[in-house]
N, C-alpha and C. Protein backbone atom coordinates (compact mmCIF):
# COMPACT_ATOMS: atom_id res chain seq x y z
N MET A 1 85.27 128.72 198.11
CA MET A 1 86.30 127.75 198.34
C MET A 1 86.15 127.04 199.73
N ARG A 2 85.81 127.89 200.73
CA ARG A 2 85.64 127.39 202.02
C ARG A 2 84.46 126.40 202.13
N ARG A 3 83.36 126.73 201.39
CA ARG A 3 82.22 125.87 201.34
C ARG A 3 82.51 124.53 200.71
N PHE A 4 83.33 124.57 199.67
CA PHE A 4 83.72 123.40 198.94
C PHE A 4 84.57 122.48 199.89
N CYS A 5 85.50 123.08 200.59
CA CYS A 5 86.36 122.35 201.49
C CYS A 5 85.54 121.65 202.62
N CYS A 6 84.53 122.43 203.11
CA CYS A 6 83.71 121.83 204.18
C CYS A 6 82.88 120.65 203.67
N ALA A 7 82.35 120.78 202.42
CA ALA A 7 81.60 119.72 201.84
C ALA A 7 82.48 118.49 201.61
N ALA A 8 83.76 118.76 201.13
CA ALA A 8 84.71 117.66 200.91
C ALA A 8 85.08 116.97 202.22
N LEU A 9 85.25 117.72 203.28
CA LEU A 9 85.63 117.08 204.59
C LEU A 9 84.43 116.25 205.10
N LEU A 10 83.19 116.77 204.89
CA LEU A 10 82.02 116.01 205.38
C LEU A 10 81.93 114.68 204.59
N ALA A 11 82.19 114.72 203.26
CA ALA A 11 82.05 113.59 202.43
C ALA A 11 83.15 112.51 202.88
N LEU A 12 84.38 113.01 203.20
CA LEU A 12 85.42 112.12 203.65
C LEU A 12 85.04 111.55 205.02
N ALA A 13 84.49 112.34 205.91
CA ALA A 13 84.13 111.86 207.24
C ALA A 13 83.01 110.78 207.11
N ALA A 14 82.06 111.03 206.23
CA ALA A 14 80.95 110.08 205.99
C ALA A 14 81.50 108.79 205.47
N ALA A 15 82.44 108.86 204.56
CA ALA A 15 83.00 107.65 203.98
C ALA A 15 83.71 106.75 205.02
N GLY A 16 84.22 107.35 206.03
CA GLY A 16 85.05 106.53 207.02
C GLY A 16 84.35 106.20 208.25
N ARG A 17 83.01 106.45 208.39
CA ARG A 17 82.36 106.27 209.69
C ARG A 17 81.20 105.35 209.60
N ALA A 18 81.26 104.28 208.85
CA ALA A 18 80.11 103.41 208.75
C ALA A 18 79.79 102.70 210.08
N GLU A 19 78.63 102.81 210.54
CA GLU A 19 78.21 102.19 211.76
C GLU A 19 77.59 100.76 211.43
N THR A 20 77.54 99.95 212.47
CA THR A 20 76.97 98.60 212.23
C THR A 20 75.49 98.75 212.35
N ILE A 21 74.72 97.89 211.73
CA ILE A 21 73.22 97.88 211.83
C ILE A 21 72.82 97.68 213.26
N ASP A 22 73.57 96.83 214.02
CA ASP A 22 73.16 96.58 215.41
C ASP A 22 73.28 97.86 216.26
N ALA A 23 74.38 98.61 216.03
CA ALA A 23 74.54 99.81 216.80
C ALA A 23 73.42 100.80 216.58
N VAL A 24 73.03 100.99 215.32
CA VAL A 24 71.97 101.92 214.95
C VAL A 24 70.64 101.53 215.51
N LEU A 25 70.36 100.21 215.30
CA LEU A 25 69.10 99.65 215.76
C LEU A 25 68.91 99.75 217.28
N ALA A 26 70.05 99.61 218.03
CA ALA A 26 69.98 99.73 219.43
C ALA A 26 69.55 101.02 219.92
N ARG A 27 70.06 102.14 219.28
CA ARG A 27 69.65 103.49 219.54
C ARG A 27 68.19 103.74 219.24
N MET A 28 67.79 103.26 218.05
CA MET A 28 66.43 103.46 217.60
C MET A 28 65.45 102.72 218.54
N ASP A 29 65.88 101.55 218.98
CA ASP A 29 65.05 100.75 219.92
C ASP A 29 64.78 101.50 221.23
N ALA A 30 65.85 102.00 221.81
CA ALA A 30 65.74 102.73 223.10
C ALA A 30 64.83 103.90 222.98
N SER A 31 64.97 104.61 221.80
CA SER A 31 64.12 105.79 221.61
C SER A 31 62.67 105.46 221.34
N ALA A 32 62.41 104.32 220.63
CA ALA A 32 61.05 103.92 220.30
C ALA A 32 60.29 103.54 221.55
N ARG A 33 60.95 102.96 222.52
CA ARG A 33 60.24 102.56 223.78
C ARG A 33 59.77 103.68 224.58
N GLN A 34 60.27 104.88 224.32
CA GLN A 34 59.83 106.06 225.05
C GLN A 34 58.96 107.01 224.18
N PHE A 35 58.73 106.52 222.97
CA PHE A 35 58.03 107.45 221.98
C PHE A 35 56.53 107.50 222.14
N HIS A 36 55.94 108.73 222.01
CA HIS A 36 54.48 108.78 221.84
C HIS A 36 54.11 109.84 220.83
N SER A 37 54.97 110.72 220.42
CA SER A 37 54.59 111.68 219.37
C SER A 37 55.82 112.43 218.85
N PHE A 38 55.66 113.07 217.70
CA PHE A 38 56.69 113.89 217.16
C PHE A 38 56.10 114.99 216.27
N SER A 39 56.88 116.09 216.13
CA SER A 39 56.48 117.15 215.22
C SER A 39 57.75 117.59 214.45
N ALA A 40 57.54 118.13 213.24
CA ALA A 40 58.74 118.53 212.48
C ALA A 40 58.23 119.41 211.28
N ARG A 41 59.15 120.17 210.75
CA ARG A 41 58.99 120.77 209.43
C ARG A 41 59.54 119.75 208.42
N ILE A 42 58.89 119.65 207.30
CA ILE A 42 59.33 118.64 206.30
C ILE A 42 59.37 119.30 204.87
N GLN A 43 60.28 118.79 204.09
CA GLN A 43 60.29 119.08 202.69
C GLN A 43 60.15 117.73 201.98
N ARG A 44 59.13 117.63 201.20
CA ARG A 44 58.76 116.35 200.54
C ARG A 44 58.94 116.44 199.06
N THR A 45 59.64 115.53 198.46
CA THR A 45 59.88 115.52 197.00
C THR A 45 59.28 114.26 196.45
N ASP A 46 58.17 114.33 195.69
CA ASP A 46 57.54 113.24 195.05
C ASP A 46 58.00 113.05 193.59
N PHE A 47 58.60 111.94 193.28
CA PHE A 47 59.08 111.68 191.93
C PHE A 47 58.21 110.73 191.24
N THR A 48 57.68 111.04 190.02
CA THR A 48 56.80 110.11 189.34
C THR A 48 57.62 109.54 188.17
N ALA A 49 57.93 108.27 188.18
CA ALA A 49 58.82 107.58 187.27
C ALA A 49 58.33 107.72 185.80
N VAL A 50 57.04 107.39 185.65
CA VAL A 50 56.51 107.27 184.23
C VAL A 50 56.60 108.69 183.54
N LEU A 51 56.57 109.75 184.32
CA LEU A 51 56.68 111.06 183.75
C LEU A 51 58.08 111.71 183.89
N ASN A 52 58.91 110.98 184.65
CA ASN A 52 60.22 111.52 184.94
C ASN A 52 60.14 113.00 185.43
N ASP A 53 59.22 113.17 186.40
CA ASP A 53 58.89 114.49 186.94
C ASP A 53 58.87 114.49 188.46
N SER A 54 59.29 115.62 189.06
CA SER A 54 59.31 115.74 190.52
C SER A 54 58.53 116.97 190.95
N GLU A 55 57.94 116.82 192.13
CA GLU A 55 57.16 117.92 192.72
C GLU A 55 57.69 118.08 194.16
N VAL A 56 58.07 119.27 194.51
CA VAL A 56 58.60 119.60 195.85
C VAL A 56 57.58 120.37 196.64
N MET A 57 57.29 119.82 197.92
CA MET A 57 56.34 120.56 198.75
C MET A 57 56.97 120.75 200.15
N ASN A 58 56.59 121.85 200.77
CA ASN A 58 57.06 122.12 202.14
C ASN A 58 55.84 122.22 203.02
N GLY A 59 56.08 121.83 204.27
CA GLY A 59 54.99 121.82 205.26
C GLY A 59 55.42 121.36 206.66
N THR A 60 54.40 120.97 207.40
CA THR A 60 54.63 120.51 208.77
C THR A 60 53.95 119.18 208.99
N ILE A 61 54.48 118.36 209.92
CA ILE A 61 53.91 117.10 210.23
C ILE A 61 53.78 116.95 211.72
N LEU A 62 52.65 116.40 212.16
CA LEU A 62 52.39 116.04 213.57
C LEU A 62 51.99 114.56 213.52
N MET A 63 52.59 113.73 214.42
CA MET A 63 52.17 112.31 214.42
C MET A 63 52.18 111.80 215.86
N LYS A 64 51.24 111.00 216.22
CA LYS A 64 51.23 110.42 217.57
C LYS A 64 50.72 109.01 217.53
N ARG A 65 51.10 108.23 218.60
CA ARG A 65 50.56 106.89 218.76
C ARG A 65 50.00 106.68 220.11
N ASP A 66 48.82 106.13 220.16
CA ASP A 66 48.13 105.83 221.47
C ASP A 66 47.36 104.53 221.31
N LYS A 67 46.53 104.27 222.21
CA LYS A 67 45.78 103.03 222.30
C LYS A 67 44.94 102.82 221.05
N ASN A 68 44.60 103.90 220.38
CA ASN A 68 43.73 103.84 219.20
C ASN A 68 44.55 103.68 217.93
N GLY A 69 45.82 103.62 218.01
CA GLY A 69 46.66 103.52 216.85
C GLY A 69 47.42 104.75 216.52
N VAL A 70 47.69 104.98 215.18
CA VAL A 70 48.50 106.13 214.80
C VAL A 70 47.57 107.20 214.22
N THR A 71 47.78 108.40 214.71
CA THR A 71 47.07 109.58 214.21
C THR A 71 48.08 110.62 213.71
N GLY A 72 47.75 111.26 212.60
CA GLY A 72 48.62 112.21 212.03
C GLY A 72 48.04 113.24 211.15
N ILE A 73 48.78 114.40 211.02
CA ILE A 73 48.30 115.34 210.13
C ILE A 73 49.45 116.14 209.49
N MET A 74 49.43 116.24 208.11
CA MET A 74 50.48 116.85 207.36
C MET A 74 49.86 118.01 206.66
N ASP A 75 50.40 119.19 206.85
CA ASP A 75 49.90 120.43 206.27
C ASP A 75 50.91 121.00 205.26
N PHE A 76 50.61 120.90 203.97
CA PHE A 76 51.61 121.41 202.98
C PHE A 76 51.11 122.72 202.37
N THR A 77 52.04 123.61 202.12
CA THR A 77 51.73 124.94 201.58
C THR A 77 51.95 124.92 200.07
N GLU A 78 52.15 126.03 199.43
CA GLU A 78 52.33 126.14 198.01
C GLU A 78 53.51 125.27 197.56
N PRO A 79 53.62 124.88 196.29
CA PRO A 79 52.69 125.20 195.20
C PRO A 79 51.43 124.40 195.13
N ASN A 80 51.26 123.31 195.90
CA ASN A 80 50.10 122.44 195.92
C ASN A 80 49.62 122.32 197.27
N ALA A 81 48.92 123.34 197.83
CA ALA A 81 48.47 123.37 199.20
C ALA A 81 47.43 122.32 199.41
N HIS A 82 47.68 121.49 200.48
CA HIS A 82 46.69 120.46 200.90
C HIS A 82 47.02 119.95 202.18
N ILE A 83 46.10 119.32 202.84
CA ILE A 83 46.24 118.80 204.16
C ILE A 83 45.87 117.28 204.18
N ILE A 84 46.73 116.44 204.79
CA ILE A 84 46.49 115.06 204.82
C ILE A 84 46.20 114.66 206.31
N ALA A 85 45.06 114.13 206.55
CA ALA A 85 44.72 113.73 207.97
C ALA A 85 44.54 112.26 208.00
N ILE A 86 45.22 111.57 208.96
CA ILE A 86 45.22 110.15 209.09
C ILE A 86 44.65 109.81 210.55
N ALA A 87 43.59 109.05 210.56
CA ALA A 87 43.00 108.65 211.80
C ALA A 87 42.13 107.39 211.66
N GLY A 88 42.29 106.43 212.53
CA GLY A 88 41.53 105.21 212.47
C GLY A 88 41.78 104.49 211.11
N HIS A 89 40.73 104.14 210.47
CA HIS A 89 40.84 103.48 209.14
C HIS A 89 40.57 104.38 207.99
N SER A 90 40.92 105.70 208.20
CA SER A 90 40.59 106.65 207.14
C SER A 90 41.78 107.61 206.91
N VAL A 91 41.96 107.96 205.63
CA VAL A 91 42.86 109.06 205.25
C VAL A 91 42.04 110.05 204.48
N GLN A 92 42.13 111.30 204.92
CA GLN A 92 41.44 112.35 204.25
C GLN A 92 42.47 113.41 203.65
N ILE A 93 42.19 113.79 202.45
CA ILE A 93 43.03 114.82 201.81
C ILE A 93 42.26 116.03 201.40
N PHE A 94 42.51 117.10 202.08
CA PHE A 94 41.65 118.32 201.86
C PHE A 94 42.43 119.25 200.90
N HIS A 95 41.75 119.67 199.84
CA HIS A 95 42.33 120.63 198.86
C HIS A 95 41.60 121.95 199.00
N PRO A 96 42.16 122.96 199.66
CA PRO A 96 41.46 124.14 199.99
C PRO A 96 41.00 124.96 198.70
N LYS A 97 41.83 124.96 197.66
CA LYS A 97 41.49 125.71 196.46
C LYS A 97 40.23 125.20 195.81
N ALA A 98 40.04 123.86 195.85
CA ALA A 98 38.88 123.25 195.24
C ALA A 98 37.70 123.08 196.29
N ASN A 99 38.04 123.40 197.56
CA ASN A 99 37.10 123.14 198.66
C ASN A 99 36.53 121.78 198.52
N ALA A 100 37.43 120.80 198.45
CA ALA A 100 37.03 119.35 198.32
C ALA A 100 37.98 118.51 199.21
N VAL A 101 37.34 117.41 199.71
CA VAL A 101 38.16 116.50 200.59
C VAL A 101 37.98 115.15 199.98
N GLU A 102 39.06 114.45 199.76
CA GLU A 102 39.07 113.04 199.35
C GLU A 102 39.16 112.12 200.55
N ILE A 103 38.22 111.17 200.69
CA ILE A 103 38.14 110.29 201.76
C ILE A 103 38.53 108.83 201.36
N TYR A 104 39.53 108.24 201.93
CA TYR A 104 39.91 106.93 201.54
C TYR A 104 39.79 105.92 202.75
N ASP A 105 39.24 104.79 202.46
CA ASP A 105 39.16 103.67 203.49
C ASP A 105 40.53 102.90 203.37
N THR A 106 41.28 102.89 204.45
CA THR A 106 42.60 102.33 204.45
C THR A 106 42.58 100.99 205.35
N THR A 107 41.39 100.45 205.53
CA THR A 107 41.33 99.24 206.37
C THR A 107 42.25 98.14 205.87
N LYS A 108 42.29 97.93 204.63
CA LYS A 108 43.14 96.81 204.06
C LYS A 108 44.63 96.97 204.35
N TYR A 109 45.07 98.29 204.37
CA TYR A 109 46.45 98.52 204.50
C TYR A 109 46.82 99.20 205.85
N ARG A 110 45.87 99.13 206.83
CA ARG A 110 46.12 99.86 208.02
C ARG A 110 47.37 99.42 208.79
N ALA A 111 47.53 98.08 208.89
CA ALA A 111 48.76 97.63 209.59
C ALA A 111 50.06 98.07 209.01
N VAL A 112 50.03 98.03 207.64
CA VAL A 112 51.32 98.43 206.92
C VAL A 112 51.49 99.92 207.07
N MET A 113 50.40 100.75 207.01
CA MET A 113 50.47 102.14 207.15
C MET A 113 51.09 102.54 208.52
N ASP A 114 50.53 101.87 209.56
CA ASP A 114 50.99 102.23 210.88
C ASP A 114 52.53 101.94 211.08
N GLU A 115 52.96 100.86 210.46
CA GLU A 115 54.38 100.55 210.45
C GLU A 115 55.20 101.63 209.81
N TYR A 116 54.81 102.03 208.65
CA TYR A 116 55.70 102.95 207.93
C TYR A 116 55.55 104.37 208.36
N LEU A 117 54.39 104.79 208.87
CA LEU A 117 54.16 106.14 209.30
C LEU A 117 55.09 106.50 210.48
N LEU A 118 55.38 105.54 211.33
CA LEU A 118 56.22 105.79 212.50
C LEU A 118 57.59 105.25 212.38
N LEU A 119 57.95 104.73 211.18
CA LEU A 119 59.24 104.16 210.90
C LEU A 119 60.39 105.17 211.23
N GLY A 120 61.29 104.74 212.08
CA GLY A 120 62.38 105.57 212.44
C GLY A 120 62.05 106.47 213.64
N PHE A 121 60.76 106.32 214.11
CA PHE A 121 60.40 107.12 215.33
C PHE A 121 59.88 106.25 216.43
N GLY A 122 58.83 105.47 216.15
CA GLY A 122 58.18 104.75 217.19
C GLY A 122 58.18 103.26 216.94
N THR A 123 59.08 102.75 216.15
CA THR A 123 59.21 101.32 215.81
C THR A 123 60.38 100.77 216.51
N THR A 124 60.14 99.72 217.41
CA THR A 124 61.24 99.02 218.06
C THR A 124 62.03 98.17 217.08
N ALA A 125 63.26 97.82 217.50
CA ALA A 125 64.10 96.99 216.75
C ALA A 125 63.41 95.67 216.33
N ALA A 126 62.72 95.10 217.32
CA ALA A 126 61.99 93.78 217.11
C ALA A 126 60.90 93.99 216.07
N GLU A 127 60.12 95.02 216.20
CA GLU A 127 59.06 95.28 215.18
C GLU A 127 59.65 95.54 213.87
N LEU A 128 60.74 96.23 213.80
CA LEU A 128 61.36 96.59 212.49
C LEU A 128 61.87 95.34 211.80
N GLU A 129 62.61 94.53 212.59
CA GLU A 129 63.16 93.32 212.06
C GLU A 129 62.12 92.29 211.68
N LYS A 130 60.99 92.33 212.32
CA LYS A 130 59.85 91.44 211.93
C LYS A 130 59.28 91.77 210.57
N ALA A 131 59.22 93.10 210.27
CA ALA A 131 58.57 93.48 209.08
C ALA A 131 59.56 93.78 207.89
N TYR A 132 60.81 94.06 208.22
CA TYR A 132 61.78 94.40 207.19
C TYR A 132 63.08 93.54 207.32
N ALA A 133 63.83 93.56 206.28
CA ALA A 133 65.17 93.06 206.30
C ALA A 133 66.08 94.28 206.25
N PRO A 134 66.70 94.67 207.46
CA PRO A 134 67.51 95.90 207.49
C PRO A 134 68.98 95.65 207.23
N LYS A 135 69.58 96.63 206.59
CA LYS A 135 71.04 96.58 206.41
C LYS A 135 71.63 98.00 206.20
N VAL A 136 72.86 98.24 206.59
CA VAL A 136 73.58 99.45 206.39
C VAL A 136 74.09 99.42 204.99
N THR A 137 73.79 100.50 204.20
CA THR A 137 74.30 100.58 202.81
C THR A 137 75.31 101.69 202.61
N GLY A 138 75.65 102.40 203.66
CA GLY A 138 76.69 103.48 203.51
C GLY A 138 76.51 104.62 204.43
N THR A 139 77.24 105.66 204.27
CA THR A 139 77.11 106.88 205.07
C THR A 139 77.05 108.06 204.14
N ASP A 140 76.35 109.05 204.50
CA ASP A 140 76.16 110.29 203.64
C ASP A 140 76.11 111.50 204.59
N ALA A 141 76.50 112.69 204.02
CA ALA A 141 76.37 113.93 204.68
C ALA A 141 74.96 114.49 204.33
N VAL A 142 74.00 114.55 205.28
CA VAL A 142 72.64 115.03 205.00
C VAL A 142 72.48 116.29 205.89
N ALA A 143 72.24 117.41 205.21
CA ALA A 143 72.06 118.69 205.88
C ALA A 143 73.36 118.95 206.82
N SER A 144 74.50 118.67 206.31
CA SER A 144 75.77 118.90 207.00
C SER A 144 76.00 118.02 208.22
N VAL A 145 75.25 116.90 208.23
CA VAL A 145 75.31 115.97 209.35
C VAL A 145 75.70 114.58 208.77
N VAL A 146 76.75 113.96 209.36
CA VAL A 146 77.18 112.63 208.91
C VAL A 146 76.10 111.61 209.37
N SER A 147 75.49 110.84 208.45
CA SER A 147 74.45 110.00 208.72
C SER A 147 74.64 108.63 208.15
N THR A 148 74.23 107.61 208.86
CA THR A 148 74.26 106.18 208.36
C THR A 148 72.99 105.97 207.51
N ARG A 149 73.15 105.40 206.29
CA ARG A 149 72.06 105.05 205.45
C ARG A 149 71.66 103.63 205.75
N ILE A 150 70.40 103.46 206.10
CA ILE A 150 69.82 102.11 206.31
C ILE A 150 68.79 101.76 205.30
N GLU A 151 68.92 100.61 204.72
CA GLU A 151 67.93 100.16 203.70
C GLU A 151 67.06 99.07 204.33
N LEU A 152 65.81 99.26 204.20
CA LEU A 152 64.74 98.32 204.75
C LEU A 152 64.00 97.71 203.58
N THR A 153 64.02 96.41 203.50
CA THR A 153 63.24 95.71 202.48
C THR A 153 62.03 95.04 203.10
N PRO A 154 60.81 95.32 202.70
CA PRO A 154 59.64 94.71 203.31
C PRO A 154 59.64 93.19 203.10
N LYS A 155 59.22 92.47 204.11
CA LYS A 155 59.14 91.02 204.11
C LYS A 155 57.75 90.51 203.53
N SER A 156 56.74 91.25 203.95
CA SER A 156 55.42 90.63 203.61
C SER A 156 55.00 91.02 202.19
N ALA A 157 54.21 90.12 201.56
CA ALA A 157 53.71 90.31 200.22
C ALA A 157 52.80 91.52 200.17
N GLN A 158 52.03 91.74 201.18
CA GLN A 158 51.12 92.89 201.23
C GLN A 158 51.90 94.19 201.18
N ALA A 159 52.92 94.27 201.96
CA ALA A 159 53.76 95.51 201.97
C ALA A 159 54.46 95.64 200.59
N GLN A 160 54.92 94.57 200.01
CA GLN A 160 55.63 94.65 198.76
C GLN A 160 54.74 95.13 197.59
N GLU A 161 53.38 94.96 197.81
CA GLU A 161 52.52 95.54 196.79
C GLU A 161 52.62 97.12 196.77
N LEU A 162 53.02 97.69 197.83
CA LEU A 162 53.07 99.13 197.90
C LEU A 162 54.55 99.56 197.81
N ILE A 163 55.42 99.00 198.54
CA ILE A 163 56.75 99.52 198.75
C ILE A 163 57.86 98.53 198.40
N ARG A 164 58.80 98.99 197.57
CA ARG A 164 59.96 98.11 197.25
C ARG A 164 61.00 98.26 198.33
N LYS A 165 61.35 99.41 198.75
CA LYS A 165 62.37 99.59 199.88
C LYS A 165 62.15 100.96 200.50
N ILE A 166 62.71 101.04 201.67
CA ILE A 166 62.68 102.30 202.41
C ILE A 166 64.14 102.57 202.91
N GLU A 167 64.61 103.80 202.73
CA GLU A 167 65.91 104.16 203.21
C GLU A 167 65.77 105.26 204.33
N LEU A 168 66.48 105.03 205.42
CA LEU A 168 66.52 106.08 206.46
C LEU A 168 68.02 106.48 206.70
N TRP A 169 68.16 107.78 206.89
CA TRP A 169 69.41 108.40 207.23
C TRP A 169 69.44 108.85 208.69
N ILE A 170 70.15 108.05 209.44
CA ILE A 170 70.22 108.30 210.96
C ILE A 170 71.56 108.92 211.35
N PRO A 171 71.66 110.18 211.92
CA PRO A 171 72.81 110.80 212.32
C PRO A 171 73.60 110.02 213.34
N GLU A 172 74.94 110.14 213.35
CA GLU A 172 75.70 109.40 214.32
C GLU A 172 75.31 109.88 215.77
N GLY A 173 75.00 108.92 216.58
CA GLY A 173 74.73 109.22 217.99
C GLY A 173 73.30 109.58 218.21
N GLN A 174 72.52 109.61 217.16
CA GLN A 174 71.09 109.90 217.27
C GLN A 174 70.21 108.70 216.93
N SER A 175 68.91 108.91 217.16
CA SER A 175 68.01 107.74 216.99
C SER A 175 66.98 107.93 215.97
N ASN A 176 66.75 109.14 215.41
CA ASN A 176 65.69 109.38 214.49
C ASN A 176 66.22 109.87 213.15
N PRO A 177 65.55 109.69 212.09
CA PRO A 177 66.10 110.00 210.77
C PRO A 177 65.99 111.53 210.45
N VAL A 178 66.99 112.03 209.72
CA VAL A 178 66.95 113.38 209.21
C VAL A 178 66.37 113.37 207.76
N GLN A 179 66.45 112.18 207.19
CA GLN A 179 65.87 112.03 205.81
C GLN A 179 65.33 110.58 205.64
N GLU A 180 64.36 110.49 204.85
CA GLU A 180 63.71 109.19 204.52
C GLU A 180 63.28 109.10 203.11
N LYS A 181 63.54 107.99 202.45
CA LYS A 181 63.17 107.82 200.97
C LYS A 181 62.45 106.48 200.88
N ILE A 182 61.24 106.60 200.33
CA ILE A 182 60.38 105.47 200.05
C ILE A 182 60.40 105.17 198.52
N THR A 183 60.78 104.00 198.15
CA THR A 183 60.76 103.60 196.74
C THR A 183 59.47 102.70 196.57
N LYS A 184 58.56 103.12 195.81
CA LYS A 184 57.28 102.30 195.61
C LYS A 184 57.52 101.12 194.58
N ALA A 185 56.65 100.23 194.56
CA ALA A 185 56.64 99.12 193.54
C ALA A 185 56.55 99.71 192.16
N SER A 186 55.96 100.81 191.97
CA SER A 186 55.84 101.46 190.66
C SER A 186 57.13 102.22 190.26
N LYS A 187 58.12 102.28 191.16
CA LYS A 187 59.38 102.98 191.00
C LYS A 187 59.24 104.43 191.29
N ASP A 188 58.01 104.92 191.57
CA ASP A 188 57.85 106.29 192.10
C ASP A 188 58.58 106.36 193.49
N THR A 189 59.07 107.58 193.83
CA THR A 189 59.72 107.72 195.12
C THR A 189 59.17 108.90 195.89
N ILE A 190 59.27 108.83 197.22
CA ILE A 190 58.97 109.97 198.09
C ILE A 190 60.19 110.21 198.94
N LEU A 191 60.70 111.40 198.88
CA LEU A 191 61.90 111.76 199.75
C LEU A 191 61.47 112.86 200.68
N VAL A 192 61.69 112.62 201.94
CA VAL A 192 61.30 113.47 203.02
C VAL A 192 62.56 113.89 203.84
N ASP A 193 62.71 115.27 203.89
CA ASP A 193 63.78 115.80 204.77
C ASP A 193 63.14 116.48 205.99
N TYR A 194 63.63 116.04 207.21
CA TYR A 194 63.01 116.55 208.43
C TYR A 194 63.97 117.68 208.98
N SER A 195 63.28 118.70 209.54
CA SER A 195 64.02 119.75 210.33
C SER A 195 63.19 120.23 211.48
N GLU A 196 63.76 120.81 212.44
CA GLU A 196 63.08 121.30 213.60
C GLU A 196 62.35 120.15 214.33
N LEU A 197 62.93 118.98 214.29
CA LEU A 197 62.32 117.79 214.80
C LEU A 197 62.19 117.80 216.33
N LYS A 198 61.03 117.59 216.85
CA LYS A 198 60.78 117.50 218.26
C LYS A 198 60.13 116.14 218.63
N ILE A 199 60.79 115.43 219.55
CA ILE A 199 60.23 114.07 219.97
C ILE A 199 59.48 114.25 221.28
N ASN A 200 58.26 113.71 221.30
CA ASN A 200 57.33 113.69 222.46
C ASN A 200 56.97 115.08 222.91
N PRO A 201 56.60 115.93 221.95
CA PRO A 201 56.11 117.29 222.42
C PRO A 201 54.66 117.08 222.91
N GLU A 202 54.21 118.10 223.70
CA GLU A 202 52.81 117.99 224.16
C GLU A 202 51.92 118.55 223.08
N LEU A 203 51.12 117.67 222.45
CA LEU A 203 50.22 118.05 221.37
C LEU A 203 48.79 117.85 221.77
N PRO A 204 48.01 118.90 221.78
CA PRO A 204 46.55 118.74 222.13
C PRO A 204 45.79 117.97 221.05
N ALA A 205 44.72 117.33 221.43
CA ALA A 205 43.91 116.57 220.49
C ALA A 205 43.43 117.46 219.29
N SER A 206 43.19 118.74 219.59
CA SER A 206 42.70 119.67 218.55
C SER A 206 43.74 119.86 217.52
N ALA A 207 45.04 119.65 217.71
CA ALA A 207 46.10 119.81 216.69
C ALA A 207 45.98 118.75 215.59
N PHE A 208 45.23 117.67 215.80
CA PHE A 208 45.07 116.64 214.83
C PHE A 208 43.70 116.68 214.12
N GLU A 209 42.88 117.69 214.46
CA GLU A 209 41.60 117.77 213.85
C GLU A 209 41.63 118.43 212.45
N LEU A 210 41.00 117.80 211.47
CA LEU A 210 40.87 118.40 210.13
C LEU A 210 39.69 119.27 210.13
N LYS A 211 39.93 120.61 210.09
CA LYS A 211 38.82 121.54 210.14
C LYS A 211 38.38 121.90 208.70
N LEU A 212 37.18 121.42 208.35
CA LEU A 212 36.75 121.59 207.00
C LEU A 212 35.71 122.78 206.95
N PRO A 213 35.76 123.59 205.87
CA PRO A 213 34.93 124.72 205.72
C PRO A 213 33.50 124.32 205.30
N PRO A 214 32.52 125.22 205.50
CA PRO A 214 31.22 124.88 205.05
C PRO A 214 31.18 124.62 203.58
N GLY A 215 30.26 123.74 203.14
CA GLY A 215 30.06 123.47 201.73
C GLY A 215 31.11 122.67 201.06
N VAL A 216 32.05 122.07 201.88
CA VAL A 216 33.14 121.24 201.25
C VAL A 216 32.57 120.05 200.59
N ARG A 217 33.11 119.70 199.36
CA ARG A 217 32.64 118.59 198.62
C ARG A 217 33.43 117.36 199.10
N LYS A 218 32.69 116.27 199.40
CA LYS A 218 33.28 115.06 199.90
C LYS A 218 33.32 113.98 198.84
N LEU A 219 34.48 113.56 198.47
CA LEU A 219 34.73 112.54 197.44
C LEU A 219 35.25 111.28 198.07
N GLN A 220 34.82 110.10 197.55
CA GLN A 220 35.35 108.82 198.00
C GLN A 220 35.82 108.06 196.75
N PRO A 221 36.96 108.38 196.24
CA PRO A 221 37.53 107.75 195.03
C PRO A 221 37.59 106.27 195.01
N ASN A 222 37.85 105.62 196.18
CA ASN A 222 38.07 104.14 196.14
C ASN A 222 36.86 103.40 196.68
N LYS A 223 35.70 104.11 196.81
CA LYS A 223 34.52 103.38 197.29
C LYS A 223 33.75 102.85 196.10
N LYS A 224 33.42 101.56 196.22
CA LYS A 224 32.74 100.83 195.14
C LYS A 224 31.23 100.97 195.26
């Protein structure tokens, strides 16, 4: 009963505390100007529309931005253990059970990828408004935190080939999302919940290295 009452109170609080888009963007902008890296634990839920099926994965994420662009590594555990490494114009996905790594050339979509990889963390208000049409669509209680839901609609035709909209849940008084949802043009979705979030931690270069074992098979699915 107590748990139900707490949930009801949070829902009521969320319903009555809608922030303006300008207020939220101002906080995000101030944070983005100081940003260089972040780390977090994540739970990612991939929904495939054509199959009406979802897969839930847990793992960690490290991301940084420097003069060379955005570099990141996502390490997911069971049930589908794999590591995604992003650097330069390449994305590598290592599958340890198969001892195989998929290598993708992302040159065509690199600018779009850089935008969305750091969305909510290292993107200034000006950059965000240049690439997206932002608006507040409500408030929700996410992980027991009242958060403003922002919807971002891509402006460019290139981005729209990949993404229909992105939603960010920004807690009151904070600058970074606790939850993010990407709706693709295919109607598939990716929902990411962040926890143990650290902004600008000291991360050595070795933390972003994809360490491949001997004999790994290298696959290039999109190479003609």
